[in-house]
């Protein structure tokens, strides 16, 4: 009989990615939900090769700070839940904090963002295994 062991983080990341990212349309769905949760009024989606080479989502949502851009690639990173009580009152489309870290686990991801009312924007990159 095999013994129980703890999975390495790279395997955990790929399992989580598989739960969130089934195909390019899953990535588009997650990114559009993030844009809508950020109060975007306009969302532009660009696909190359059906999303297998490039998926670019541009929106006019609230934007992120430098700290948020740095943290958004981490597993379970979310702005929507801070306490257990927040889970029952959630009113956003996505809140698990898995989308960006899952996308970065299986491909390369660049997030460029500028908060509304600020001049300077930020860029962060997450690199995983490109397929």
N, C-alpha and C. Protein backbone atom coordinates (compact mmCIF):
# COMPACT_ATOMS: atom_id res chain seq x y z
N UNK A 1 0.84 -1.19 0.00
CA UNK A 1 0.00 0.00 0.00
C UNK A 1 0.88 1.25 0.00
N UNK A 2 0.47 2.25 -0.75
CA UNK A 2 1.24 3.49 -0.83
C UNK A 2 1.01 4.31 0.43
N UNK A 3 2.03 5.06 0.80
CA UNK A 3 1.92 5.91 1.98
C UNK A 3 1.38 7.28 1.59
N UNK A 4 0.77 7.96 2.52
CA UNK A 4 0.24 9.31 2.31
C UNK A 4 1.39 10.30 2.42
N UNK A 5 1.41 11.23 1.50
CA UNK A 5 2.44 12.27 1.52
C UNK A 5 1.84 13.59 1.06
N UNK A 6 2.52 14.64 1.35
CA UNK A 6 2.08 15.98 0.97
C UNK A 6 2.59 16.27 -0.44
N UNK A 7 1.72 16.77 -1.28
CA UNK A 7 2.09 17.10 -2.65
C UNK A 7 3.00 18.33 -2.69
N UNK A 8 3.96 18.33 -3.59
CA UNK A 8 4.78 19.53 -3.79
C UNK A 8 3.92 20.67 -4.37
N UNK A 9 4.33 21.89 -4.11
CA UNK A 9 3.55 23.06 -4.53
C UNK A 9 3.32 23.12 -6.03
N UNK A 10 4.29 22.70 -6.85
CA UNK A 10 4.08 22.77 -8.30
C UNK A 10 2.96 21.85 -8.75
N UNK A 11 2.82 20.68 -8.11
CA UNK A 11 1.71 19.78 -8.45
C UNK A 11 0.40 20.36 -7.96
N UNK A 12 0.39 20.93 -6.76
CA UNK A 12 -0.82 21.57 -6.22
C UNK A 12 -1.28 22.68 -7.16
N UNK A 13 -0.34 23.47 -7.65
CA UNK A 13 -0.68 24.58 -8.55
C UNK A 13 -1.31 24.07 -9.84
N UNK A 14 -0.78 22.98 -10.38
CA UNK A 14 -1.33 22.44 -11.62
C UNK A 14 -2.71 21.82 -11.41
N UNK A 15 -2.94 21.21 -10.25
CA UNK A 15 -4.27 20.67 -9.94
C UNK A 15 -5.27 21.82 -9.84
N UNK A 16 -4.90 22.87 -9.11
CA UNK A 16 -5.78 24.03 -8.99
C UNK A 16 -6.03 24.65 -10.35
N UNK A 17 -4.99 24.73 -11.16
CA UNK A 17 -5.15 25.30 -12.50
C UNK A 17 -6.12 24.48 -13.32
N UNK A 18 -6.04 23.16 -13.21
CA UNK A 18 -6.95 22.29 -13.94
C UNK A 18 -8.40 22.46 -13.53
N UNK A 19 -8.62 22.84 -12.26
CA UNK A 19 -9.98 23.07 -11.78
C UNK A 19 -10.54 24.39 -12.30
N UNK A 20 -9.67 25.35 -12.55
CA UNK A 20 -10.10 26.68 -12.98
C UNK A 20 -9.97 26.84 -14.49
N UNK A 21 -8.88 26.32 -15.07
CA UNK A 21 -8.54 26.56 -16.47
C UNK A 21 -8.70 25.28 -17.27
N UNK A 22 -9.81 25.12 -17.94
CA UNK A 22 -10.03 23.94 -18.77
C UNK A 22 -9.59 24.18 -20.21
N UNK A 23 -9.79 25.40 -20.68
CA UNK A 23 -9.47 25.76 -22.06
C UNK A 23 -9.38 27.28 -22.12
N UNK A 24 -8.99 27.85 -23.25
CA UNK A 24 -8.88 29.32 -23.33
C UNK A 24 -10.15 30.06 -22.92
N UNK A 25 -11.31 29.50 -23.23
CA UNK A 25 -12.55 30.18 -22.85
C UNK A 25 -12.68 30.31 -21.34
N UNK A 26 -12.11 29.37 -20.58
CA UNK A 26 -12.12 29.47 -19.12
C UNK A 26 -11.30 30.66 -18.65
N UNK A 27 -10.17 30.89 -19.31
CA UNK A 27 -9.32 32.04 -18.97
C UNK A 27 -10.08 33.33 -19.26
N UNK A 28 -10.69 33.40 -20.44
CA UNK A 28 -11.46 34.59 -20.81
C UNK A 28 -12.56 34.85 -19.80
N UNK A 29 -13.30 33.82 -19.42
CA UNK A 29 -14.38 33.95 -18.43
C UNK A 29 -13.85 34.52 -17.12
N UNK A 30 -12.76 33.96 -16.62
CA UNK A 30 -12.20 34.41 -15.34
C UNK A 30 -11.75 35.87 -15.42
N UNK A 31 -11.10 36.24 -16.52
CA UNK A 31 -10.61 37.61 -16.65
C UNK A 31 -11.75 38.61 -16.83
N UNK A 32 -12.79 38.23 -17.54
CA UNK A 32 -13.95 39.11 -17.68
C UNK A 32 -14.65 39.27 -16.34
N UNK A 33 -14.78 38.18 -15.58
CA UNK A 33 -15.39 38.28 -14.25
C UNK A 33 -14.58 39.22 -13.35
N UNK A 34 -13.24 39.12 -13.42
CA UNK A 34 -12.41 40.04 -12.63
C UNK A 34 -12.66 41.49 -13.05
N UNK A 35 -12.76 41.73 -14.35
CA UNK A 35 -13.00 43.09 -14.84
C UNK A 35 -14.34 43.62 -14.36
N UNK A 36 -15.38 42.78 -14.43
CA UNK A 36 -16.71 43.20 -13.97
C UNK A 36 -16.72 43.46 -12.47
N UNK A 37 -16.03 42.61 -11.71
CA UNK A 37 -15.94 42.83 -10.26
C UNK A 37 -15.20 44.12 -9.93
N UNK A 38 -14.33 44.56 -10.85
CA UNK A 38 -13.59 45.82 -10.66
C UNK A 38 -14.35 47.00 -11.25
N UNK A 39 -15.64 46.81 -11.51
CA UNK A 39 -16.54 47.87 -11.98
C UNK A 39 -16.24 48.36 -13.39
N UNK A 40 -15.69 47.50 -14.23
CA UNK A 40 -15.40 47.90 -15.61
C UNK A 40 -16.70 48.18 -16.36
N UNK A 41 -16.68 49.23 -17.15
CA UNK A 41 -17.80 49.57 -18.02
C UNK A 41 -17.54 49.12 -19.45
N UNK A 42 -16.26 49.03 -19.81
CA UNK A 42 -15.85 48.61 -21.15
C UNK A 42 -14.79 47.53 -21.02
N UNK A 43 -14.98 46.45 -21.77
CA UNK A 43 -14.04 45.33 -21.75
C UNK A 43 -13.73 44.95 -23.19
N UNK A 44 -12.46 44.88 -23.52
CA UNK A 44 -12.01 44.50 -24.86
C UNK A 44 -11.25 43.18 -24.73
N UNK A 45 -11.65 42.18 -25.50
CA UNK A 45 -10.99 40.87 -25.48
C UNK A 45 -10.35 40.63 -26.84
N UNK A 46 -9.08 40.25 -26.81
CA UNK A 46 -8.34 39.96 -28.03
C UNK A 46 -7.77 38.54 -27.92
N UNK A 47 -8.01 37.73 -28.95
CA UNK A 47 -7.52 36.35 -28.96
C UNK A 47 -6.64 36.14 -30.19
N UNK A 48 -5.57 35.40 -30.02
CA UNK A 48 -4.73 34.97 -31.13
C UNK A 48 -4.77 33.45 -31.14
N UNK A 49 -5.07 32.88 -32.30
CA UNK A 49 -5.17 31.43 -32.46
C UNK A 49 -6.20 30.85 -31.48
N UNK A 50 -7.34 31.49 -31.41
CA UNK A 50 -8.42 31.00 -30.55
C UNK A 50 -8.09 31.08 -29.06
N UNK A 51 -7.11 31.89 -28.69
CA UNK A 51 -6.73 32.02 -27.30
C UNK A 51 -5.59 31.09 -26.89
N UNK A 52 -5.13 30.27 -27.80
CA UNK A 52 -4.04 29.35 -27.46
C UNK A 52 -2.68 30.03 -27.44
N UNK A 53 -2.53 31.14 -28.18
CA UNK A 53 -1.27 31.87 -28.18
C UNK A 53 -1.32 33.12 -27.31
N UNK A 54 -2.40 33.88 -27.44
CA UNK A 54 -2.53 35.13 -26.68
C UNK A 54 -3.99 35.33 -26.30
N UNK A 55 -4.19 35.71 -25.05
CA UNK A 55 -5.48 36.21 -24.58
C UNK A 55 -5.17 37.55 -23.92
N UNK A 56 -5.78 38.60 -24.43
CA UNK A 56 -5.55 39.93 -23.87
C UNK A 56 -6.91 40.51 -23.51
N UNK A 57 -7.06 40.91 -22.25
CA UNK A 57 -8.29 41.53 -21.78
C UNK A 57 -7.92 42.91 -21.25
N UNK A 58 -8.55 43.92 -21.82
CA UNK A 58 -8.31 45.30 -21.43
C UNK A 58 -9.63 45.86 -20.93
N UNK A 59 -9.59 46.49 -19.76
CA UNK A 59 -10.83 47.04 -19.21
C UNK A 59 -10.57 48.39 -18.54
N UNK A 60 -11.64 49.06 -18.20
CA UNK A 60 -11.55 50.36 -17.54
C UNK A 60 -12.02 50.27 -16.09
N UNK A 61 -11.73 49.15 -15.45
CA UNK A 61 -12.12 48.94 -14.06
C UNK A 61 -11.30 49.77 -13.10
N UNK A 62 -11.44 49.48 -11.81
CA UNK A 62 -10.82 50.27 -10.75
C UNK A 62 -9.30 50.23 -10.75
N UNK A 63 -8.72 49.16 -11.26
CA UNK A 63 -7.26 49.03 -11.28
C UNK A 63 -6.72 48.53 -9.95
N UNK A 64 -5.42 48.23 -9.95
CA UNK A 64 -4.77 47.69 -8.76
C UNK A 64 -3.55 48.53 -8.39
N UNK A 65 -3.23 48.52 -7.12
CA UNK A 65 -2.02 49.17 -6.62
C UNK A 65 -0.81 48.29 -6.94
N UNK A 66 0.37 48.82 -6.71
CA UNK A 66 1.60 48.05 -6.92
C UNK A 66 1.58 46.80 -6.04
N UNK A 67 1.17 46.93 -4.80
CA UNK A 67 1.13 45.80 -3.88
C UNK A 67 0.14 44.73 -4.34
N UNK A 68 -1.00 45.17 -4.86
CA UNK A 68 -1.99 44.22 -5.35
C UNK A 68 -1.49 43.49 -6.60
N UNK A 69 -0.81 44.20 -7.48
CA UNK A 69 -0.27 43.56 -8.68
C UNK A 69 0.76 42.51 -8.28
N UNK A 70 1.57 42.81 -7.29
CA UNK A 70 2.58 41.84 -6.82
C UNK A 70 1.92 40.63 -6.17
N UNK A 71 0.82 40.83 -5.44
CA UNK A 71 0.17 39.75 -4.70
C UNK A 71 -0.81 38.93 -5.54
N UNK A 72 -1.27 39.46 -6.66
CA UNK A 72 -2.35 38.81 -7.39
C UNK A 72 -1.99 37.46 -7.97
N UNK A 73 -0.71 37.14 -8.09
CA UNK A 73 -0.28 35.85 -8.64
C UNK A 73 -0.22 34.75 -7.58
N UNK A 74 -0.32 35.13 -6.33
CA UNK A 74 -0.21 34.15 -5.24
C UNK A 74 -1.50 33.35 -5.12
N UNK A 75 -1.40 32.06 -4.76
CA UNK A 75 -2.61 31.25 -4.59
C UNK A 75 -3.52 31.84 -3.51
N UNK A 76 -4.81 31.79 -3.77
CA UNK A 76 -5.84 32.26 -2.83
C UNK A 76 -5.73 33.75 -2.52
N UNK A 77 -5.19 34.51 -3.46
CA UNK A 77 -5.10 35.96 -3.30
C UNK A 77 -6.40 36.59 -3.80
N UNK A 78 -7.08 37.31 -2.93
CA UNK A 78 -8.35 37.93 -3.30
C UNK A 78 -8.57 39.21 -2.51
N UNK A 79 -9.30 40.12 -3.11
CA UNK A 79 -9.67 41.36 -2.42
C UNK A 79 -11.09 41.26 -1.88
N UNK A 80 -11.74 40.14 -2.09
CA UNK A 80 -13.16 40.04 -1.81
C UNK A 80 -13.51 39.37 -0.49
N UNK A 81 -12.56 38.68 0.12
CA UNK A 81 -12.81 37.99 1.39
C UNK A 81 -11.67 38.30 2.33
N UNK A 82 -12.00 38.75 3.53
CA UNK A 82 -10.99 38.98 4.56
C UNK A 82 -11.27 38.14 5.80
N UNK A 83 -12.53 37.75 5.98
CA UNK A 83 -12.93 36.96 7.16
C UNK A 83 -13.95 35.91 6.72
N UNK A 84 -14.12 34.88 7.53
CA UNK A 84 -15.06 33.80 7.22
C UNK A 84 -16.46 34.35 6.98
N UNK A 85 -16.84 35.35 7.73
CA UNK A 85 -18.18 35.93 7.59
C UNK A 85 -18.41 36.52 6.20
N UNK A 86 -17.35 36.93 5.54
CA UNK A 86 -17.48 37.54 4.21
C UNK A 86 -17.99 36.54 3.17
N UNK A 87 -17.76 35.26 3.39
CA UNK A 87 -18.13 34.25 2.40
C UNK A 87 -19.63 34.21 2.19
N UNK A 88 -20.42 34.31 3.24
CA UNK A 88 -21.87 34.20 3.09
C UNK A 88 -22.48 35.43 2.42
N UNK A 89 -21.81 36.56 2.47
CA UNK A 89 -22.36 37.78 1.88
C UNK A 89 -21.72 38.16 0.57
N UNK A 90 -20.99 37.25 -0.04
CA UNK A 90 -20.25 37.58 -1.26
C UNK A 90 -21.21 37.95 -2.39
N UNK A 91 -20.92 39.03 -3.08
CA UNK A 91 -21.77 39.51 -4.16
C UNK A 91 -20.99 39.69 -5.46
N UNK A 92 -19.83 39.08 -5.54
CA UNK A 92 -19.01 39.22 -6.73
C UNK A 92 -19.05 37.94 -7.55
N UNK A 93 -18.58 38.02 -8.77
CA UNK A 93 -18.60 36.87 -9.67
C UNK A 93 -17.53 35.85 -9.31
N UNK A 94 -16.35 36.30 -8.96
CA UNK A 94 -15.26 35.41 -8.60
C UNK A 94 -14.66 35.85 -7.29
N UNK A 95 -14.37 34.91 -6.41
CA UNK A 95 -13.83 35.32 -5.12
C UNK A 95 -12.82 34.34 -4.54
N UNK A 96 -12.56 33.23 -5.20
CA UNK A 96 -11.69 32.22 -4.62
C UNK A 96 -10.22 32.61 -4.66
N UNK A 97 -9.87 33.56 -5.49
CA UNK A 97 -8.48 33.98 -5.57
C UNK A 97 -7.59 32.98 -6.28
N UNK A 98 -8.15 32.22 -7.18
CA UNK A 98 -7.38 31.19 -7.87
C UNK A 98 -7.10 31.51 -9.33
N UNK A 99 -7.84 32.41 -9.91
CA UNK A 99 -7.76 32.61 -11.36
C UNK A 99 -6.37 33.01 -11.83
N UNK A 100 -5.83 34.09 -11.33
CA UNK A 100 -4.55 34.58 -11.84
C UNK A 100 -3.41 33.64 -11.49
N UNK A 101 -3.41 33.09 -10.28
CA UNK A 101 -2.33 32.15 -9.94
C UNK A 101 -2.44 30.88 -10.78
N UNK A 102 -3.66 30.44 -11.08
CA UNK A 102 -3.84 29.25 -11.91
C UNK A 102 -3.42 29.49 -13.35
N UNK A 103 -3.75 30.66 -13.88
CA UNK A 103 -3.33 30.99 -15.24
C UNK A 103 -1.81 31.04 -15.30
N UNK A 104 -1.20 31.67 -14.30
CA UNK A 104 0.26 31.78 -14.26
C UNK A 104 0.93 30.42 -14.06
N UNK A 105 0.22 29.47 -13.46
CA UNK A 105 0.80 28.14 -13.23
C UNK A 105 0.95 27.35 -14.51
N UNK A 106 0.12 27.63 -15.51
CA UNK A 106 0.14 26.84 -16.74
C UNK A 106 0.57 27.62 -17.98
N UNK A 107 0.86 28.89 -17.83
CA UNK A 107 1.28 29.70 -18.96
C UNK A 107 2.00 30.93 -18.45
N UNK A 108 2.24 31.87 -19.31
CA UNK A 108 2.84 33.12 -18.86
C UNK A 108 1.74 34.17 -18.83
N UNK A 109 1.79 35.02 -17.82
CA UNK A 109 0.74 36.01 -17.58
C UNK A 109 1.38 37.34 -17.22
N UNK A 110 0.93 38.38 -17.88
CA UNK A 110 1.36 39.73 -17.54
C UNK A 110 0.13 40.53 -17.13
N UNK A 111 0.22 41.18 -16.00
CA UNK A 111 -0.86 42.06 -15.53
C UNK A 111 -0.31 43.47 -15.51
N UNK A 112 -0.97 44.35 -16.25
CA UNK A 112 -0.65 45.78 -16.23
C UNK A 112 -1.86 46.48 -15.68
N UNK A 113 -1.65 47.35 -14.68
CA UNK A 113 -2.80 47.98 -14.04
C UNK A 113 -2.44 49.36 -13.53
N UNK A 114 -3.44 50.21 -13.51
CA UNK A 114 -3.32 51.55 -12.95
C UNK A 114 -4.61 51.85 -12.23
N UNK A 115 -4.49 52.23 -10.96
CA UNK A 115 -5.70 52.57 -10.20
C UNK A 115 -6.31 53.86 -10.73
N UNK A 116 -7.63 53.90 -10.70
CA UNK A 116 -8.32 55.13 -11.11
C UNK A 116 -7.82 56.29 -10.26
N UNK A 117 -7.63 57.41 -10.91
CA UNK A 117 -7.20 58.62 -10.20
C UNK A 117 -5.71 58.72 -9.98
N UNK A 118 -4.94 57.75 -10.45
CA UNK A 118 -3.49 57.81 -10.32
C UNK A 118 -2.85 57.95 -11.70
N UNK A 119 -1.62 58.39 -11.71
CA UNK A 119 -0.91 58.59 -12.97
C UNK A 119 -0.07 57.37 -13.32
N UNK A 120 0.56 56.78 -12.31
CA UNK A 120 1.50 55.69 -12.55
C UNK A 120 0.80 54.33 -12.48
N UNK A 121 1.17 53.44 -13.40
CA UNK A 121 0.65 52.09 -13.40
C UNK A 121 1.73 51.09 -13.03
N UNK A 122 1.34 49.83 -12.93
CA UNK A 122 2.25 48.78 -12.50
C UNK A 122 2.11 47.57 -13.40
N UNK A 123 3.20 46.82 -13.49
CA UNK A 123 3.18 45.60 -14.30
C UNK A 123 3.78 44.47 -13.46
N UNK A 124 3.14 43.33 -13.53
CA UNK A 124 3.65 42.14 -12.86
C UNK A 124 3.56 40.96 -13.81
N UNK A 125 4.45 40.00 -13.60
CA UNK A 125 4.47 38.83 -14.48
C UNK A 125 4.49 37.56 -13.67
N UNK A 126 3.75 36.58 -14.16
CA UNK A 126 3.77 35.25 -13.59
C UNK A 126 4.08 34.27 -14.69
N UNK A 127 5.00 33.37 -14.43
CA UNK A 127 5.42 32.42 -15.46
C UNK A 127 5.22 31.01 -14.95
N UNK A 128 4.58 30.21 -15.76
CA UNK A 128 4.43 28.80 -15.45
C UNK A 128 4.94 27.99 -16.61
N UNK A 129 4.29 26.91 -16.81
CA UNK A 129 4.67 26.00 -17.89
C UNK A 129 3.80 26.31 -19.09
N UNK A 130 4.40 26.77 -20.17
CA UNK A 130 3.63 27.06 -21.38
C UNK A 130 3.30 25.77 -22.08
N UNK A 131 2.05 25.68 -22.56
CA UNK A 131 1.62 24.46 -23.25
C UNK A 131 1.45 24.73 -24.72
